[in-house]
Amino acid sequence: MSFPIHRGRRLRRTPALRALARETHLAADQLVAPLFVCPGSGVRDPIASMPGQARLSPDLAAREAAALAEVGVGSVLLFGIPAAKDAEGSGAWDPDGPVPQTIRRIKRDVPEMAIWADVCLCEYTSHGHCGLLHGREVDNDATLPLLARASRVYAEAGADVIAPSDMMDGRVGVIREALDAAGCTGTVIVSYAVKYASAFYGPFRDAAGSTPQFGDRRAYQMDGANVREAIREALADIAEGADMVMVKPGMPYLDVIRAVRDRVDVPVVAYQVSGEFAMLHAAAERGWIDLPRAMQEAAVALNRAGADILITYFARELALQIASERRAVAAMEPVR
């Protein structure tokens, strides 16, 4: 009777051995937690399509940032919801808007937190598109100075990272020039370089009130069938001054994350978007999946595909899970 020479199960036998042989390691400081911030004080407005998420006023957003820092999450990504909207999205560069207020509050209360500020006009325009309109089309070049203006306001408020998500051509270069001219040479730019026109953004648009009033965003967001284009976009943004590049959404585009990771030398960010988050919650509510395990498996998949940094609405839960697992492994007796 012959026996196998290779026994892969040896390294799977105990939790300690599995941890020892693990190839992909998640860490809480790789996680970025998105926060929706709105005007006011003491405001916590739950988002029905995103369980556990809410629109927060600056004071409560700062409190949430502190709670995230306590469990090891090192970054937050801010999305602003203005009190009023107009055709050009002027609330995006209001120095007293909810995003600058929140930046200043977090910098005061949680100075160790890295603050990312999303830059786009879609939450601020009355028509819901990501830039100025010329007729029924977004005018790329007319939008660029407005994105730069918003970026400068956020950087001067104290943002560590500017994250343009609009998908206008040339915006990274224009923003870099504006930041440097304002003396914000140390401000990082994380470009949403590879942002697909996706069905997975629905809950976000509900949360931010950013659904276009007509048409869609396929004329400026990427076609989901394209991978080579993703490489071109990432390399172009790096050439313009991006310090990191992002792929969005995450799970449906694991191959794109890997392709980008293989071609660039800067950190790669993956965004596990609202639709991914909502689907996992919906399946768990029906008893179809184990949410903590599915949450971790999805995050590991994004990391394994090549993402160095993960933006996820599960940031707090993942950080707690990572800490719990490490404590459990540390408490185990050595394998004899």
Protein backbone atom coordinates (compact mmCIF):
# COMPACT_ATOMS: atom_id res chain seq x y z
CA MET A 1 0.00 0.00 0.00
CA SER A 2 1.52 3.34 -1.06
CA PHE A 3 1.16 6.60 0.82
CA PRO A 4 1.40 10.18 -0.49
CA ILE A 5 4.80 11.83 -0.26
CA HIS A 6 3.24 15.29 -0.41
CA ARG A 7 0.89 15.97 2.49
CA GLY A 8 -0.42 19.51 2.15
CA ARG A 9 -2.73 18.92 5.09
CA ARG A 10 0.19 19.04 7.52
CA LEU A 11 0.26 22.84 7.31
CA ARG A 12 -3.53 23.07 7.70
CA ARG A 13 -3.81 20.93 10.82
CA THR A 14 -4.09 23.63 13.50
CA PRO A 15 -4.93 27.34 13.61
CA ALA A 16 -1.33 28.13 14.58
CA LEU A 17 0.09 26.20 11.62
CA ARG A 18 -2.39 27.77 9.24
CA ALA A 19 -1.39 31.22 10.48
CA LEU A 20 2.29 30.32 10.14
CA ALA A 21 1.92 29.23 6.50
CA ARG A 22 -0.49 31.96 5.43
CA GLU A 23 0.64 33.76 2.29
CA THR A 24 -1.64 36.81 2.43
CA HIS A 25 -1.92 38.86 5.60
CA LEU A 26 -4.52 41.52 6.22
CA ALA A 27 -3.65 44.32 8.63
CA ALA A 28 -5.92 46.96 10.09
CA ASP A 29 -3.60 49.73 8.95
CA GLN A 30 -4.21 48.67 5.32
CA LEU A 31 -7.89 49.60 5.69
CA VAL A 32 -9.58 52.89 4.82
CA ALA A 33 -13.08 53.56 6.16
CA PRO A 34 -15.40 55.72 4.03
CA LEU A 35 -17.52 58.27 5.92
CA PHE A 36 -20.44 60.31 4.60
CA VAL A 37 -20.42 63.76 6.20
CA CYS A 38 -23.26 66.26 6.23
CA PRO A 39 -23.97 69.70 7.74
CA GLY A 40 -25.16 70.17 11.29
CA SER A 41 -24.35 68.90 14.74
CA GLY A 42 -25.35 65.65 16.41
CA VAL A 43 -26.65 64.26 13.11
CA ARG A 44 -26.64 60.51 12.55
CA ASP A 45 -28.87 59.67 9.60
CA PRO A 46 -28.86 55.88 8.91
CA ILE A 47 -28.49 54.74 5.30
CA ALA A 48 -31.16 52.11 4.64
CA SER A 49 -29.29 50.36 1.82
CA MET A 50 -26.01 50.17 3.77
CA PRO A 51 -26.53 48.50 7.17
CA GLY A 52 -24.54 50.12 9.95
CA GLN A 53 -23.58 53.15 7.83
CA ALA A 54 -24.94 56.67 8.34
CA ARG A 55 -24.61 60.25 7.19
CA LEU A 56 -22.73 61.99 10.02
CA SER A 57 -22.28 65.60 11.01
CA PRO A 58 -18.65 66.68 11.52
CA ASP A 59 -18.72 66.17 15.30
CA LEU A 60 -20.00 62.60 15.02
CA ALA A 61 -17.71 61.85 12.07
CA ALA A 62 -14.75 62.84 14.25
CA ARG A 63 -16.07 60.57 17.01
CA GLU A 64 -16.32 57.72 14.47
CA ALA A 65 -12.76 58.40 13.32
CA ALA A 66 -11.59 58.13 16.93
CA ALA A 67 -13.38 54.81 17.35
CA LEU A 68 -11.79 53.52 14.14
CA ALA A 69 -8.35 54.60 15.31
CA GLU A 70 -8.84 52.71 18.56
CA VAL A 71 -9.22 49.41 16.66
CA GLY A 72 -6.24 50.13 14.41
CA VAL A 73 -7.83 51.61 11.27
CA GLY A 74 -5.47 54.38 10.18
CA SER A 75 -7.39 56.23 7.47
CA VAL A 76 -10.83 57.60 6.66
CA LEU A 77 -12.18 58.70 3.27
CA LEU A 78 -14.64 61.60 3.41
CA PHE A 79 -17.59 62.16 1.07
CA GLY A 80 -19.51 65.39 1.48
CA ILE A 81 -23.25 65.91 1.35
CA PRO A 82 -23.99 69.65 1.05
CA ALA A 83 -26.96 71.57 2.38
CA ALA A 84 -27.74 72.80 -1.15
CA LYS A 85 -26.71 71.94 -4.72
CA ASP A 86 -26.28 73.99 -7.89
CA ALA A 87 -25.32 73.47 -11.51
CA GLU A 88 -21.59 73.86 -10.97
CA GLY A 89 -21.33 72.10 -7.61
CA SER A 90 -19.97 75.11 -5.75
CA GLY A 91 -20.46 73.43 -2.38
CA ALA A 92 -17.45 71.25 -3.22
CA TRP A 93 -15.05 74.14 -2.56
CA ASP A 94 -16.86 75.83 0.31
CA PRO A 95 -14.24 76.15 3.08
CA ASP A 96 -17.05 75.90 5.62
CA GLY A 97 -18.65 72.87 3.96
CA PRO A 98 -19.04 69.55 5.75
CA VAL A 99 -15.80 68.04 4.41
CA PRO A 100 -13.44 70.87 5.46
CA GLN A 101 -15.21 71.10 8.80
CA THR A 102 -14.78 67.38 9.36
CA ILE A 103 -11.14 67.46 8.30
CA ARG A 104 -10.39 70.17 10.84
CA ARG A 105 -12.33 68.37 13.56
CA ILE A 106 -10.57 65.03 12.98
CA LYS A 107 -7.17 66.71 12.81
CA ARG A 108 -7.88 68.25 16.20
CA ASP A 109 -9.35 65.17 17.89
CA VAL A 110 -7.55 62.28 16.14
CA PRO A 111 -4.25 63.72 14.88
CA GLU A 112 -2.81 60.29 14.10
CA MET A 113 -5.56 59.57 11.54
CA ALA A 114 -4.75 59.96 7.83
CA ILE A 115 -7.62 61.86 6.22
CA TRP A 116 -8.54 61.22 2.59
CA ALA A 117 -10.87 63.66 0.84
CA ASP A 118 -12.79 62.44 -2.20
CA VAL A 119 -12.88 65.06 -4.95
CA CYS A 120 -15.81 64.96 -7.34
CA LEU A 121 -18.73 67.23 -8.15
CA CYS A 122 -21.48 64.60 -8.38
CA GLU A 123 -22.65 65.01 -4.76
CA TYR A 124 -22.72 68.79 -5.18
CA THR A 125 -24.33 69.33 -8.60
CA SER A 126 -28.07 69.67 -9.05
CA HIS A 127 -27.87 67.40 -12.12
CA GLY A 128 -25.80 64.67 -10.42
CA HIS A 129 -23.02 64.49 -13.00
CA CYS A 130 -19.34 64.71 -12.10
CA GLY A 131 -18.56 68.01 -13.82
CA LEU A 132 -19.88 71.11 -15.55
CA LEU A 133 -22.38 70.47 -18.29
CA HIS A 134 -22.24 71.75 -21.84
CA GLY A 135 -25.71 70.89 -23.04
CA ARG A 136 -26.18 67.32 -21.88
CA GLU A 137 -22.49 66.39 -21.89
CA VAL A 138 -19.88 66.89 -19.19
CA ASP A 139 -17.28 69.47 -20.25
CA ASN A 140 -13.97 67.87 -19.29
CA ASP A 141 -11.67 70.90 -19.49
CA ALA A 142 -14.09 73.36 -17.89
CA THR A 143 -14.41 70.98 -14.93
CA LEU A 144 -10.70 70.74 -14.18
CA PRO A 145 -10.25 74.13 -12.46
CA LEU A 146 -13.21 73.38 -10.19
CA LEU A 147 -11.72 70.05 -9.12
CA ALA A 148 -8.42 71.80 -8.42
CA ARG A 149 -10.24 74.45 -6.40
CA ALA A 150 -11.96 71.86 -4.23
CA SER A 151 -8.70 69.94 -3.78
CA ARG A 152 -6.93 73.06 -2.57
CA VAL A 153 -9.68 73.81 -0.03
CA TYR A 154 -9.48 70.27 1.37
CA ALA A 155 -5.68 70.29 1.50
CA GLU A 156 -5.60 73.65 3.24
CA ALA A 157 -8.12 72.32 5.77
CA GLY A 158 -5.61 69.58 6.58
CA ALA A 159 -6.41 66.62 4.32
CA ASP A 160 -3.46 64.27 3.97
CA VAL A 161 -4.75 62.68 0.78
CA ILE A 162 -6.69 64.10 -2.16
CA ALA A 163 -8.61 61.42 -4.06
CA PRO A 164 -10.13 62.62 -7.36
CA SER A 165 -12.91 60.24 -8.44
CA ASP A 166 -14.45 62.24 -11.29
CA MET A 167 -12.65 60.49 -14.19
CA MET A 168 -11.95 63.72 -16.09
CA ASP A 169 -8.88 63.47 -18.32
CA GLY A 170 -5.91 65.45 -17.03
CA ARG A 171 -7.27 66.17 -13.59
CA VAL A 172 -4.32 64.69 -11.67
CA GLY A 173 -1.86 67.07 -13.31
CA VAL A 174 -4.08 70.10 -12.75
CA ILE A 175 -4.68 69.17 -9.11
CA ARG A 176 -0.97 68.54 -8.49
CA GLU A 177 -0.09 71.92 -9.94
CA ALA A 178 -2.74 73.66 -7.82
CA LEU A 179 -1.64 71.94 -4.63
CA ASP A 180 2.02 72.73 -5.21
CA ALA A 181 1.21 76.36 -6.00
CA ALA A 182 -0.66 76.57 -2.67
CA GLY A 183 2.33 75.19 -0.78
CA CYS A 184 0.67 71.80 -0.24
CA THR A 185 3.59 69.89 -1.74
CA GLY A 186 3.29 67.11 0.84
CA THR A 187 -0.35 66.34 0.08
CA VAL A 188 -0.75 62.89 -1.46
CA ILE A 189 -2.87 62.28 -4.57
CA VAL A 190 -4.62 58.92 -4.82
CA SER A 191 -6.19 58.78 -8.24
CA TYR A 192 -9.33 56.82 -8.97
CA ALA A 193 -7.41 55.92 -12.10
CA VAL A 194 -9.44 52.84 -12.96
CA LYS A 195 -13.07 53.56 -12.17
CA TYR A 196 -15.60 51.51 -14.09
CA ALA A 197 -19.16 52.46 -14.96
CA SER A 198 -20.70 49.92 -12.61
CA ALA A 199 -24.05 48.67 -11.36
CA PHE A 200 -22.45 48.21 -7.93
CA TYR A 201 -22.62 51.92 -6.98
CA GLY A 202 -26.36 52.00 -6.26
CA PRO A 203 -26.33 52.21 -2.45
CA PHE A 204 -23.63 54.90 -2.54
CA ARG A 205 -25.74 57.05 -4.84
CA ASP A 206 -28.62 56.61 -2.44
CA ALA A 207 -26.41 57.65 0.46
CA ALA A 208 -24.88 60.66 -1.28
CA GLY A 209 -27.88 61.70 -3.36
CA SER A 210 -25.67 61.62 -6.44
CA THR A 211 -27.75 59.72 -9.00
CA PRO A 212 -27.61 61.57 -12.36
CA GLN A 213 -30.83 63.37 -13.24
CA PHE A 214 -30.47 62.17 -16.85
CA GLY A 215 -28.31 59.73 -18.76
CA ASP A 216 -25.48 57.90 -17.05
CA ARG A 217 -21.71 58.17 -16.58
CA ARG A 218 -20.52 55.78 -19.26
CA ALA A 219 -19.05 58.62 -21.32
CA TYR A 220 -16.41 59.25 -18.66
CA GLN A 221 -16.26 56.15 -16.44
CA MET A 222 -14.63 53.07 -17.92
CA ASP A 223 -16.18 50.21 -19.88
CA GLY A 224 -16.20 47.08 -17.70
CA ALA A 225 -14.96 44.94 -20.60
CA ASN A 226 -11.57 46.70 -20.79
CA VAL A 227 -8.32 45.76 -19.05
CA ARG A 228 -5.63 47.25 -21.32
CA GLU A 229 -7.35 50.60 -20.97
CA ALA A 230 -6.99 50.30 -17.19
CA ILE A 231 -3.22 50.06 -17.56
CA ARG A 232 -3.15 53.13 -19.80
CA GLU A 233 -5.23 55.12 -17.31
CA ALA A 234 -3.08 54.12 -14.34
CA LEU A 235 0.20 54.92 -16.10
CA ALA A 236 -1.14 58.25 -17.38
CA ASP A 237 -2.18 59.33 -13.89
CA ILE A 238 1.16 58.32 -12.41
CA ALA A 239 2.90 60.37 -15.11
CA GLU A 240 0.76 63.36 -14.06
CA GLY A 241 1.78 63.01 -10.42
CA ALA A 242 -0.46 60.42 -8.74
CA ASP A 243 1.22 58.86 -5.71
CA MET A 244 -1.16 55.89 -5.65
CA VAL A 245 -3.76 54.52 -8.05
CA MET A 246 -7.12 52.92 -7.38
CA VAL A 247 -9.26 50.22 -8.99
CA LYS A 248 -12.99 50.53 -8.39
CA PRO A 249 -15.10 48.39 -7.87
CA GLY A 250 -13.11 45.61 -6.25
CA MET A 251 -14.48 42.07 -6.39
CA PRO A 252 -15.78 42.11 -10.00
CA TYR A 253 -12.37 43.38 -11.15
CA LEU A 254 -9.82 41.17 -9.38
CA ASP A 255 -8.08 40.51 -12.69
CA VAL A 256 -7.74 44.26 -13.26
CA ILE A 257 -6.23 44.77 -9.81
CA ARG A 258 -3.63 42.12 -10.62
CA ALA A 259 -2.92 43.58 -14.06
CA VAL A 260 -2.42 47.06 -12.62
CA ARG A 261 -0.30 45.75 -9.74
CA ASP A 262 1.99 43.99 -12.23
CA ARG A 263 2.57 47.17 -14.24
CA VAL A 264 2.96 49.97 -11.69
CA ASP A 265 5.45 50.65 -8.93
CA VAL A 266 3.20 52.81 -6.75
CA PRO A 267 0.76 51.43 -4.14
CA VAL A 268 -2.49 50.05 -5.55
CA VAL A 269 -5.79 50.71 -3.79
CA ALA A 270 -8.97 48.65 -4.23
CA TYR A 271 -12.39 50.00 -3.33
CA GLN A 272 -14.90 47.42 -2.08
CA VAL A 273 -17.89 49.49 -3.08
CA SER A 274 -21.34 49.97 -1.61
CA GLY A 275 -23.02 47.33 -3.77
CA GLU A 276 -20.52 44.68 -2.69
CA PHE A 277 -21.07 45.63 0.95
CA ALA A 278 -24.87 45.63 0.60
CA MET A 279 -24.95 42.26 -1.20
CA LEU A 280 -23.00 40.52 1.54
CA HIS A 281 -25.30 42.01 4.17
CA ALA A 282 -28.43 41.05 2.21
CA ALA A 283 -27.28 37.45 1.79
CA ALA A 284 -26.35 37.21 5.47
CA GLU A 285 -29.73 38.62 6.55
CA ARG A 286 -31.37 35.75 4.65
CA GLY A 287 -29.13 33.22 6.33
CA TRP A 288 -27.41 32.30 3.08
CA ILE A 289 -23.85 33.16 4.11
CA ASP A 290 -21.79 33.63 7.27
CA LEU A 291 -21.14 37.40 7.17
CA PRO A 292 -17.89 37.56 9.22
CA ARG A 293 -16.31 34.77 7.16
CA ALA A 294 -17.55 36.14 3.84
CA MET A 295 -16.38 39.65 4.77
CA GLN A 296 -12.88 38.40 5.54
CA GLU A 297 -12.72 36.14 2.49
CA ALA A 298 -13.65 39.01 0.18
CA ALA A 299 -11.06 41.31 1.77
CA VAL A 300 -8.33 38.68 1.50
CA ALA A 301 -9.22 38.14 -2.17
CA LEU A 302 -8.71 41.84 -2.92
CA ASN A 303 -5.41 41.85 -1.03
CA ARG A 304 -4.29 38.63 -2.71
CA ALA A 305 -5.12 40.04 -6.15
CA GLY A 306 -2.60 42.81 -5.54
CA ALA A 307 -4.27 45.59 -3.57
CA ASP A 308 -1.93 47.10 -1.00
CA ILE A 309 -4.72 49.20 0.52
CA LEU A 310 -8.43 48.42 0.84
CA ILE A 311 -11.23 50.96 1.09
CA THR A 312 -14.15 49.16 2.69
CA TYR A 313 -17.29 49.86 4.70
CA PHE A 314 -16.32 46.78 6.73
CA ALA A 315 -13.16 48.49 8.02
CA ARG A 316 -14.14 48.52 11.70
CA GLU A 317 -15.45 44.92 11.67
CA LEU A 318 -12.40 43.66 9.79
CA ALA A 319 -10.02 45.39 12.19
CA LEU A 320 -11.78 43.84 15.17
CA GLN A 321 -11.72 40.43 13.51
CA ILE A 322 -8.01 40.71 12.70
CA ALA A 323 -7.21 41.67 16.29
CA SER A 324 -9.34 38.85 17.68
CA GLU A 325 -7.68 36.23 15.49
CA ARG A 326 -4.22 37.41 16.43
CA ARG A 327 -5.06 37.25 20.12
CA ALA A 328 -6.43 33.73 19.66
CA VAL A 329 -3.31 32.50 17.87
CA ALA A 330 -1.02 34.15 20.42
CA ALA A 331 -2.88 32.42 23.27
CA MET A 332 -2.45 28.94 21.80
CA GLU A 333 0.10 26.53 23.15
CA PRO A 334 3.04 25.88 20.79
CA VAL A 335 2.59 22.94 18.45
CA ARG A 336 4.66 20.01 19.71
